[in-house]
Amino acid sequence: MVASLLRLAGLDWPVPDYPTLCRRQKTLKVQIPYRRAGGPLNLLVDNEALTA
């Protein structure tokens, strides 16, 4: 799903598959910096793995 959304947006970004993310989830560190002003924060979350 994420790959198709990125294609629709015209972005050529690599998207890891579900098994790759599962292996890396223990060491994957995600930091979303706090933004006080400057507009909304766009956050894309793929919940396909949660429903499988």
N, C-alpha and C. Protein backbone atom coordinates (compact mmCIF):
# COMPACT_ATOMS: atom_id res chain seq x y z
N MET A 1 0.82 -1.18 0.00
CA MET A 1 0.00 0.00 0.00
C MET A 1 0.87 1.26 0.00
N VAL A 2 1.89 1.29 0.84
CA VAL A 2 2.76 2.46 0.89
C VAL A 2 3.45 2.67 -0.44
N ALA A 3 3.93 1.59 -1.04
CA ALA A 3 4.62 1.71 -2.33
C ALA A 3 3.70 2.32 -3.39
N SER A 4 2.45 1.91 -3.41
CA SER A 4 1.53 2.46 -4.40
C SER A 4 1.25 3.94 -4.14
N LEU A 5 1.16 4.34 -2.87
CA LEU A 5 0.95 5.75 -2.55
C LEU A 5 2.15 6.59 -2.96
N LEU A 6 3.34 6.06 -2.74
CA LEU A 6 4.54 6.79 -3.15
C LEU A 6 4.62 6.92 -4.67
N ARG A 7 4.23 5.86 -5.38
CA ARG A 7 4.21 5.93 -6.85
C ARG A 7 3.21 6.99 -7.32
N LEU A 8 2.03 7.03 -6.68
CA LEU A 8 1.03 8.03 -7.06
C LEU A 8 1.55 9.45 -6.80
N ALA A 9 2.37 9.60 -5.77
CA ALA A 9 2.94 10.90 -5.45
C ALA A 9 4.13 11.23 -6.35
N GLY A 10 4.53 10.28 -7.19
CA GLY A 10 5.65 10.53 -8.09
C GLY A 10 7.00 10.40 -7.42
N LEU A 11 7.05 9.70 -6.28
CA LEU A 11 8.30 9.54 -5.54
C LEU A 11 8.89 8.16 -5.80
N ASP A 12 10.18 8.12 -6.06
CA ASP A 12 10.87 6.86 -6.32
C ASP A 12 11.68 6.46 -5.08
N TRP A 13 10.96 6.19 -3.99
CA TRP A 13 11.59 5.83 -2.72
C TRP A 13 11.51 4.33 -2.51
N PRO A 14 12.54 3.70 -1.99
CA PRO A 14 12.46 2.27 -1.69
C PRO A 14 11.55 2.03 -0.49
N VAL A 15 10.77 0.96 -0.55
CA VAL A 15 9.86 0.59 0.53
C VAL A 15 10.20 -0.83 0.97
N PRO A 16 10.63 -1.01 2.22
CA PRO A 16 10.95 -2.37 2.67
C PRO A 16 9.68 -3.21 2.81
N ASP A 17 9.82 -4.52 2.61
CA ASP A 17 8.67 -5.41 2.75
C ASP A 17 8.44 -5.75 4.23
N TYR A 18 7.32 -6.39 4.51
CA TYR A 18 6.92 -6.68 5.88
C TYR A 18 7.95 -7.53 6.64
N PRO A 19 8.48 -8.63 6.05
CA PRO A 19 9.48 -9.41 6.80
C PRO A 19 10.74 -8.61 7.15
N THR A 20 11.14 -7.72 6.27
CA THR A 20 12.31 -6.89 6.55
C THR A 20 12.03 -5.97 7.73
N LEU A 21 10.85 -5.36 7.76
CA LEU A 21 10.50 -4.49 8.87
C LEU A 21 10.40 -5.27 10.18
N CYS A 22 9.88 -6.48 10.12
CA CYS A 22 9.77 -7.30 11.33
C CYS A 22 11.15 -7.60 11.92
N ARG A 23 12.10 -7.90 11.05
CA ARG A 23 13.46 -8.18 11.53
C ARG A 23 14.11 -6.94 12.12
N ARG A 24 13.80 -5.79 11.58
CA ARG A 24 14.47 -4.55 11.99
C ARG A 24 13.75 -3.80 13.09
N GLN A 25 12.54 -4.19 13.44
CA GLN A 25 11.74 -3.39 14.36
C GLN A 25 12.36 -3.24 15.73
N LYS A 26 13.15 -4.21 16.17
CA LYS A 26 13.77 -4.12 17.48
C LYS A 26 14.86 -3.05 17.53
N THR A 27 15.50 -2.80 16.41
CA THR A 27 16.60 -1.83 16.39
C THR A 27 16.23 -0.55 15.67
N LEU A 28 15.04 -0.48 15.10
CA LEU A 28 14.62 0.71 14.35
C LEU A 28 14.25 1.83 15.32
N LYS A 29 14.94 2.93 15.21
CA LYS A 29 14.67 4.08 16.06
C LYS A 29 14.04 5.18 15.21
N VAL A 30 12.84 5.58 15.57
CA VAL A 30 12.13 6.62 14.84
C VAL A 30 11.97 7.81 15.77
N GLN A 31 12.43 8.94 15.33
CA GLN A 31 12.28 10.17 16.10
C GLN A 31 11.55 11.19 15.25
N ILE A 32 10.42 11.61 15.74
CA ILE A 32 9.64 12.65 15.06
C ILE A 32 9.82 13.92 15.87
N PRO A 33 10.55 14.89 15.34
CA PRO A 33 10.80 16.11 16.11
C PRO A 33 9.52 16.90 16.33
N TYR A 34 9.45 17.52 17.49
CA TYR A 34 8.32 18.37 17.82
C TYR A 34 8.42 19.68 17.05
N ARG A 35 7.31 20.06 16.44
CA ARG A 35 7.27 21.34 15.72
C ARG A 35 6.20 22.21 16.36
N ARG A 36 6.63 23.34 16.87
CA ARG A 36 5.69 24.22 17.57
C ARG A 36 4.78 24.97 16.59
N ALA A 37 5.31 25.39 15.47
CA ALA A 37 4.51 26.17 14.51
C ALA A 37 4.99 25.83 13.10
N GLY A 38 4.31 26.36 12.13
CA GLY A 38 4.74 26.18 10.76
C GLY A 38 3.82 25.28 9.95
N GLY A 39 2.65 24.97 10.46
CA GLY A 39 1.72 24.17 9.70
C GLY A 39 1.56 22.77 10.24
N PRO A 40 0.69 22.02 9.61
CA PRO A 40 0.39 20.67 10.09
C PRO A 40 1.52 19.68 9.80
N LEU A 41 1.54 18.61 10.55
CA LEU A 41 2.50 17.52 10.35
C LEU A 41 1.79 16.41 9.58
N ASN A 42 2.33 16.03 8.43
CA ASN A 42 1.77 14.94 7.65
C ASN A 42 2.49 13.65 8.03
N LEU A 43 1.75 12.68 8.55
CA LEU A 43 2.32 11.42 8.99
C LEU A 43 1.60 10.29 8.29
N LEU A 44 2.35 9.45 7.59
CA LEU A 44 1.78 8.33 6.85
C LEU A 44 2.05 7.04 7.61
N VAL A 45 0.99 6.32 7.98
CA VAL A 45 1.11 5.07 8.72
C VAL A 45 0.41 3.97 7.94
N ASP A 46 1.10 2.89 7.68
CA ASP A 46 0.53 1.75 6.97
C ASP A 46 0.13 0.71 8.01
N ASN A 47 -1.16 0.48 8.18
CA ASN A 47 -1.63 -0.46 9.18
C ASN A 47 -1.94 -1.84 8.58
N GLU A 48 -1.50 -2.10 7.37
CA GLU A 48 -1.76 -3.38 6.71
C GLU A 48 -1.21 -4.53 7.55
N ALA A 49 -0.05 -4.35 8.15
CA ALA A 49 0.56 -5.39 8.97
C ALA A 49 -0.26 -5.68 10.22
N LEU A 50 -1.01 -4.70 10.71
CA LEU A 50 -1.81 -4.89 11.92
C LEU A 50 -3.04 -5.74 11.67
N THR A 51 -3.51 -5.77 10.43
CA THR A 51 -4.72 -6.52 10.12
C THR A 51 -4.41 -7.92 9.60
N ALA A 52 -3.14 -8.23 9.38
CA ALA A 52 -2.78 -9.54 8.85
C ALA A 52 -2.74 -10.60 9.91
